[in-house]
C-alpha atoms as a PDB file:
ATOM      1  CA  MET A   1       0.000   0.000   0.000  1.00  0.00           C
ATOM      2  CA  SER A   2       1.373   3.388  -0.939  1.00  0.00           C
ATOM      3  CA  GLN A   3       1.577   5.672   2.035  1.00  0.00           C
ATOM      4  CA  GLN A   4       3.319   8.727   3.334  1.00  0.00           C
ATOM      5  CA  LYS A   5       7.062   8.532   3.965  1.00  0.00           C
ATOM      6  CA  PRO A   6       7.848   7.020   7.399  1.00  0.00           C
ATOM      7  CA  LEU A   7       9.171   9.541   9.899  1.00  0.00           C
ATOM      8  CA  ASN A   8      11.741   7.078  11.322  1.00  0.00           C
ATOM      9  CA  LEU A   9      12.178   9.123  14.486  1.00  0.00           C
ATOM     10  CA  SER A  10      14.326   7.742  17.288  1.00  0.00           C
ATOM     11  CA  PHE A  11      11.623   8.583  19.839  1.00  0.00           C
ATOM     12  CA  ASP A  12       7.831   8.822  20.099  1.00  0.00           C
ATOM     13  CA  PRO A  13       7.074  12.556  19.705  1.00  0.00           C
ATOM     14  CA  ILE A  14       3.629  12.232  21.271  1.00  0.00           C
ATOM     15  CA  ASP A  15       5.046  10.478  24.321  1.00  0.00           C
ATOM     16  CA  ARG A  16       7.738  13.157  24.539  1.00  0.00           C
ATOM     17  CA  ALA A  17       5.076  15.873  24.302  1.00  0.00           C
ATOM     18  CA  ALA A  18       3.097  14.128  27.062  1.00  0.00           C
ATOM     19  CA  GLU A  19       6.156  14.188  29.326  1.00  0.00           C
ATOM     20  CA  SER A  20       6.603  17.913  28.691  1.00  0.00           C
ATOM     21  CA  TRP A  21       2.886  18.490  29.180  1.00  0.00           C
ATOM     22  CA  ARG A  22       2.987  16.738  32.570  1.00  0.00           C
ATOM     23  CA  ALA A  23       5.950  18.875  33.645  1.00  0.00           C
ATOM     24  CA  HIS A  24       4.301  22.139  32.590  1.00  0.00           C
ATOM     25  CA  PHE A  25       0.558  21.626  32.984  1.00  0.00           C
ATOM     26  CA  GLY A  26      -0.204  18.409  34.865  1.00  0.00           C
ATOM     27  CA  PRO A  27      -1.934  15.188  33.785  1.00  0.00           C
ATOM     28  CA  SER A  28      -1.425  14.458  30.098  1.00  0.00           C
ATOM     29  CA  ALA A  29      -3.438  11.325  29.298  1.00  0.00           C
ATOM     30  CA  ALA A  30      -6.206  13.217  27.475  1.00  0.00           C
ATOM     31  CA  MET A  31      -3.721  15.341  25.522  1.00  0.00           C
ATOM     32  CA  ALA A  32      -1.705  12.257  24.506  1.00  0.00           C
ATOM     33  CA  ALA A  33      -4.842  10.375  23.501  1.00  0.00           C
ATOM     34  CA  VAL A  34      -6.273  13.184  21.377  1.00  0.00           C
ATOM     35  CA  THR A  35      -2.912  13.859  19.745  1.00  0.00           C
ATOM     36  CA  SER A  36      -2.620  10.138  18.939  1.00  0.00           C
ATOM     37  CA  VAL A  37      -6.111  10.095  17.429  1.00  0.00           C
ATOM     38  CA  MET A  38      -5.289  13.131  15.293  1.00  0.00           C
ATOM     39  CA  ARG A  39      -2.034  11.546  14.075  1.00  0.00           C
ATOM     40  CA  ALA A  40      -3.824   8.259  13.363  1.00  0.00           C
ATOM     41  CA  HIS A  41      -6.359  10.224  11.310  1.00  0.00           C
ATOM     42  CA  GLN A  42      -3.541  11.754   9.246  1.00  0.00           C
ATOM     43  CA  ILE A  43      -1.893   8.371   8.663  1.00  0.00           C
ATOM     44  CA  LEU A  44      -5.114   6.563   7.731  1.00  0.00           C
ATOM     45  CA  LEU A  45      -6.409   9.314   5.461  1.00  0.00           C
ATOM     46  CA  SER A  46      -3.101   9.383   3.608  1.00  0.00           C
ATOM     47  CA  GLN A  47      -3.112   5.590   3.172  1.00  0.00           C
ATOM     48  CA  LEU A  48      -6.745   5.424   2.090  1.00  0.00           C
ATOM     49  CA  ASP A  49      -6.427   8.328  -0.319  1.00  0.00           C
ATOM     50  CA  SER A  50      -3.348   6.654  -1.841  1.00  0.00           C
ATOM     51  CA  LEU A  51      -5.304   3.447  -2.361  1.00  0.00           C
ATOM     52  CA  LEU A  52      -8.185   5.370  -3.937  1.00  0.00           C
ATOM     53  CA  LYS A  53      -6.136   7.710  -6.139  1.00  0.00           C
ATOM     54  CA  PRO A  54      -6.034   5.261  -9.108  1.00  0.00           C
ATOM     55  CA  TYR A  55      -9.847   5.452  -9.124  1.00  0.00           C
ATOM     56  CA  ASP A  56      -9.894   9.274  -9.155  1.00  0.00           C
ATOM     57  CA  LEU A  57     -11.347   9.170  -5.643  1.00  0.00           C
ATOM     58  CA  THR A  58     -10.543  10.503  -2.205  1.00  0.00           C
ATOM     59  CA  PHE A  59     -11.928   8.769   0.859  1.00  0.00           C
ATOM     60  CA  ALA A  60     -14.596  11.483   1.161  1.00  0.00           C
ATOM     61  CA  ARG A  61     -15.788  10.870  -2.409  1.00  0.00           C
ATOM     62  CA  TYR A  62     -15.632   7.117  -1.880  1.00  0.00           C
ATOM     63  CA  GLU A  63     -17.853   7.444   1.219  1.00  0.00           C
ATOM     64  CA  ALA A  64     -20.431   9.400  -0.775  1.00  0.00           C
ATOM     65  CA  LEU A  65     -20.487   6.750  -3.505  1.00  0.00           C
ATOM     66  CA  VAL A  66     -20.860   3.965  -0.952  1.00  0.00           C
ATOM     67  CA  LEU A  67     -23.741   5.849   0.670  1.00  0.00           C
ATOM     68  CA  LEU A  68     -25.480   6.083  -2.710  1.00  0.00           C
ATOM     69  CA  THR A  69     -24.804   2.376  -3.283  1.00  0.00           C
ATOM     70  CA  PHE A  70     -26.504   1.564   0.031  1.00  0.00           C
ATOM     71  CA  SER A  71     -29.587   3.686  -0.747  1.00  0.00           C
ATOM     72  CA  LYS A  72     -32.724   1.938  -2.043  1.00  0.00           C
ATOM     73  CA  THR A  73     -32.782   3.790  -5.367  1.00  0.00           C
ATOM     74  CA  GLY A  74     -29.118   4.737  -5.809  1.00  0.00           C
ATOM     75  CA  ALA A  75     -30.044   8.399  -5.341  1.00  0.00           C
ATOM     76  CA  LEU A  76     -30.263  10.705  -2.337  1.00  0.00           C
ATOM     77  CA  PRO A  77     -30.893  14.410  -1.748  1.00  0.00           C
ATOM     78  CA  LEU A  78     -27.671  16.321  -1.186  1.00  0.00           C
ATOM     79  CA  SER A  79     -28.935  17.336   2.254  1.00  0.00           C
ATOM     80  CA  LYS A  80     -29.378  13.670   3.223  1.00  0.00           C
ATOM     81  CA  ILE A  81     -25.835  12.880   2.021  1.00  0.00           C
ATOM     82  CA  GLY A  82     -24.460  15.651   4.246  1.00  0.00           C
ATOM     83  CA  GLU A  83     -26.497  14.442   7.207  1.00  0.00           C
ATOM     84  CA  ARG A  84     -25.427  10.812   6.832  1.00  0.00           C
ATOM     85  CA  LEU A  85     -21.767  11.633   6.225  1.00  0.00           C
ATOM     86  CA  MET A  86     -21.866  14.293   8.962  1.00  0.00           C
ATOM     87  CA  VAL A  87     -20.331  17.009   6.761  1.00  0.00           C
ATOM     88  CA  HIS A  88     -21.178  20.613   5.886  1.00  0.00           C
ATOM     89  CA  PRO A  89     -23.443  21.239   2.859  1.00  0.00           C
ATOM     90  CA  THR A  90     -20.563  22.982   1.052  1.00  0.00           C
ATOM     91  CA  SER A  91     -18.474  19.821   1.376  1.00  0.00           C
ATOM     92  CA  VAL A  92     -21.304  17.756  -0.097  1.00  0.00           C
ATOM     93  CA  THR A  93     -21.635  20.132  -3.049  1.00  0.00           C
ATOM     94  CA  ASN A  94     -17.884  19.964  -3.718  1.00  0.00           C
ATOM     95  CA  THR A  95     -17.856  16.178  -3.386  1.00  0.00           C
ATOM     96  CA  VAL A  96     -20.798  15.734  -5.750  1.00  0.00           C
ATOM     97  CA  ASP A  97     -19.247  18.210  -8.204  1.00  0.00           C
ATOM     98  CA  ARG A  98     -16.065  16.105  -8.366  1.00  0.00           C
ATOM     99  CA  LEU A  99     -17.988  12.833  -8.628  1.00  0.00           C
ATOM    100  CA  GLU A 100     -20.126  14.278 -11.412  1.00  0.00           C
ATOM    101  CA  LYS A 101     -17.021  15.453 -13.334  1.00  0.00           C
ATOM    102  CA  SER A 102     -15.627  11.913 -13.053  1.00  0.00           C
ATOM    103  CA  GLY A 103     -18.896  10.460 -14.365  1.00  0.00           C
ATOM    104  CA  PHE A 104     -19.642   8.603 -11.121  1.00  0.00           C
ATOM    105  CA  VAL A 105     -22.853  10.473 -10.249  1.00  0.00           C
ATOM    106  CA  ARG A 106     -25.407  12.635 -11.999  1.00  0.00           C
ATOM    107  CA  ARG A 107     -27.599  15.339 -10.544  1.00  0.00           C
ATOM    108  CA  LEU A 108     -31.360  15.039 -10.936  1.00  0.00           C
ATOM    109  CA  PRO A 109     -34.249  17.229  -9.824  1.00  0.00           C
ATOM    110  CA  ASN A 110     -35.793  15.907  -6.637  1.00  0.00           C
ATOM    111  CA  PRO A 111     -39.378  14.885  -7.516  1.00  0.00           C
ATOM    112  CA  ARG A 112     -40.406  15.367  -3.855  1.00  0.00           C
ATOM    113  CA  ASP A 113     -38.929  18.861  -3.599  1.00  0.00           C
ATOM    114  CA  GLY A 114     -39.092  21.182  -6.597  1.00  0.00           C
ATOM    115  CA  ARG A 115     -35.996  23.105  -5.501  1.00  0.00           C
ATOM    116  CA  GLY A 116     -34.005  20.116  -4.277  1.00  0.00           C
ATOM    117  CA  VAL A 117     -31.390  18.078  -6.079  1.00  0.00           C
ATOM    118  CA  LEU A 118     -30.630  14.383  -5.959  1.00  0.00           C
ATOM    119  CA  ALA A 119     -27.248  12.799  -6.562  1.00  0.00           C
ATOM    120  CA  GLU A 120     -27.637   9.465  -8.351  1.00  0.00           C
ATOM    121  CA  ILE A 121     -24.850   6.931  -8.778  1.00  0.00           C
ATOM    122  CA  THR A 122     -24.075   5.948 -12.378  1.00  0.00           C
ATOM    123  CA  GLY A 123     -22.988   2.589 -13.750  1.00  0.00           C
ATOM    124  CA  ALA A 124     -19.414   3.871 -13.781  1.00  0.00           C
ATOM    125  CA  GLY A 125     -19.839   4.884 -10.136  1.00  0.00           C
ATOM    126  CA  GLU A 126     -21.126   1.442  -9.198  1.00  0.00           C
ATOM    127  CA  ASP A 127     -18.178  -0.162 -10.986  1.00  0.00           C
ATOM    128  CA  VAL A 128     -15.591   2.069  -9.306  1.00  0.00           C
ATOM    129  CA  VAL A 129     -17.135   1.406  -5.867  1.00  0.00           C
ATOM    130  CA  ARG A 130     -16.848  -2.349  -6.454  1.00  0.00           C
ATOM    131  CA  ARG A 131     -13.207  -2.156  -7.543  1.00  0.00           C
ATOM    132  CA  ALA A 132     -12.120   0.399  -4.909  1.00  0.00           C
ATOM    133  CA  THR A 133     -13.879  -1.542  -2.144  1.00  0.00           C
ATOM    134  CA  ALA A 134     -11.994  -4.701  -3.113  1.00  0.00           C
ATOM    135  CA  ASP A 135      -8.694  -2.813  -2.727  1.00  0.00           C
ATOM    136  CA  LEU A 136      -9.715  -1.231   0.590  1.00  0.00           C
ATOM    137  CA  MET A 137     -10.850  -4.563   1.996  1.00  0.00           C
ATOM    138  CA  ALA A 138      -7.648  -6.290   0.833  1.00  0.00           C
ATOM    139  CA  ALA A 139      -5.710  -3.587   2.705  1.00  0.00           C
ATOM    140  CA  GLU A 140      -8.103  -3.911   5.688  1.00  0.00           C
ATOM    141  CA  PHE A 141      -8.615  -0.149   5.456  1.00  0.00           C
ATOM    142  CA  GLY A 142      -5.028   0.383   6.591  1.00  0.00           C
ATOM    143  CA  LEU A 143      -5.536  -1.449   9.884  1.00  0.00           C
ATOM    144  CA  THR A 144      -3.786  -4.768   9.188  1.00  0.00           C
ATOM    145  CA  MET A 145      -1.815  -4.485  12.424  1.00  0.00           C
ATOM    146  CA  TYR A 146      -4.956  -5.052  14.532  1.00  0.00           C
ATOM    147  CA  ALA A 147      -6.901  -8.242  15.267  1.00  0.00           C
ATOM    148  CA  GLU A 148     -10.665  -8.308  14.760  1.00  0.00           C
ATOM    149  CA  ASP A 149     -11.394  -8.061  18.503  1.00  0.00           C
ATOM    150  CA  GLU A 150      -9.036  -5.060  18.790  1.00  0.00           C
ATOM    151  CA  LEU A 151     -10.864  -3.330  15.953  1.00  0.00           C
ATOM    152  CA  GLN A 152     -14.204  -3.960  17.679  1.00  0.00           C
ATOM    153  CA  HIS A 153     -12.802  -2.558  20.928  1.00  0.00           C
ATOM    154  CA  MET A 154     -11.503   0.518  19.095  1.00  0.00           C
ATOM    155  CA  PHE A 155     -14.930   1.046  17.530  1.00  0.00           C
ATOM    156  CA  ASP A 156     -16.608   0.697  20.932  1.00  0.00           C
ATOM    157  CA  GLN A 157     -14.225   3.187  22.553  1.00  0.00           C
ATOM    158  CA  LEU A 158     -14.689   5.791  19.829  1.00  0.00           C
ATOM    159  CA  ARG A 159     -18.449   5.244  19.764  1.00  0.00           C
ATOM    160  CA  THR A 160     -18.604   6.420  23.372  1.00  0.00           C
ATOM    161  CA  LEU A 161     -17.023   9.704  22.245  1.00  0.00           C
ATOM    162  CA  ARG A 162     -19.511  10.032  19.373  1.00  0.00           C
ATOM    163  CA  VAL A 163     -22.472   9.486  21.712  1.00  0.00           C
ATOM    164  CA  ALA A 164     -21.070  12.069  24.148  1.00  0.00           C
ATOM    165  CA  ALA A 165     -20.724  14.542  21.257  1.00  0.00           C
ATOM    166  CA  GLY A 166     -24.413  14.086  20.426  1.00  0.00           C
ATOM    167  CA  ASP A 167     -24.021  12.240  17.109  1.00  0.00           C
ATOM    168  CA  PHE A 168     -26.845   9.973  18.265  1.00  0.00           C
ATOM    169  CA  PRO A 169     -28.412   8.973  21.597  1.00  0.00           C
ATOM    170  CA  ALA A 170     -27.036   6.019  23.537  1.00  0.00           C
ATOM    171  CA  SER A 171     -30.573   4.611  23.544  1.00  0.00           C
ATOM    172  CA  VAL A 172     -30.304   3.732  19.840  1.00  0.00           C
ATOM    173  CA  MET A 173     -27.229   1.581  20.316  1.00  0.00           C
ATOM    174  CA  ARG A 174     -28.041  -2.021  19.518  1.00  0.00           C
ATOM    175  CA  GLN A 175     -27.675  -4.899  21.910  1.00  0.00           C
ATOM    176  CA  ASP A 176     -24.960  -7.206  20.630  1.00  0.00           C
ATOM    177  CA  GLU A 177     -25.097 -10.616  22.258  1.00  0.00           C
ATOM    178  CA  GLY A 178     -21.550 -11.422  21.167  1.00  0.00           C
ATOM    179  CA  HIS A 179     -20.244  -8.602  23.321  1.00  0.00           C
ATOM    180  CA  GLY A 180     -22.815  -8.904  26.083  1.00  0.00           C
ATOM    181  CA  GLY A 181     -23.467  -5.196  26.228  1.00  0.00           C
ATOM    182  CA  LEU A 182     -24.590  -2.136  24.429  1.00  0.00           C
ATOM    183  CA  LEU A 183     -22.691  -1.236  21.308  1.00  0.00           C
END
């Protein structure tokens, strides 16, 4: 998998920053955790975008295509895309613009809303989703270093943060018998 150039540092800069933080400000666990999450985001986005570049996609555009693939009709209002992907309407417009230029989606008038617009996936879009998904799955979305149970634990830990941020209420989390608790 193509990825950004390794830093090859002789020390962990986040751990070093945490030591300095403790000396200057006090407890550093939250700072170290958030800094690690932000660095992980950079690493993963770079890896995923590299995998998707041959398809003329970024991860953001790939997510939009997958969302359209999952919809009943292959089309969704732009507002619904933004809501589901949790992004600003301007980002949705830019994403759909790029997908349309690549021939992966087309815009249609929304029959339920005279002013609204639908984005509909094209045959080329469906094909590129299939091929790109195969590559992402083969690369395990850049997370090959983790076992399945570690990935589930990571998801559970980050889901707690998303619930606390108000993405959705804890009451809608499903009961998963395999984990014996709310997920």
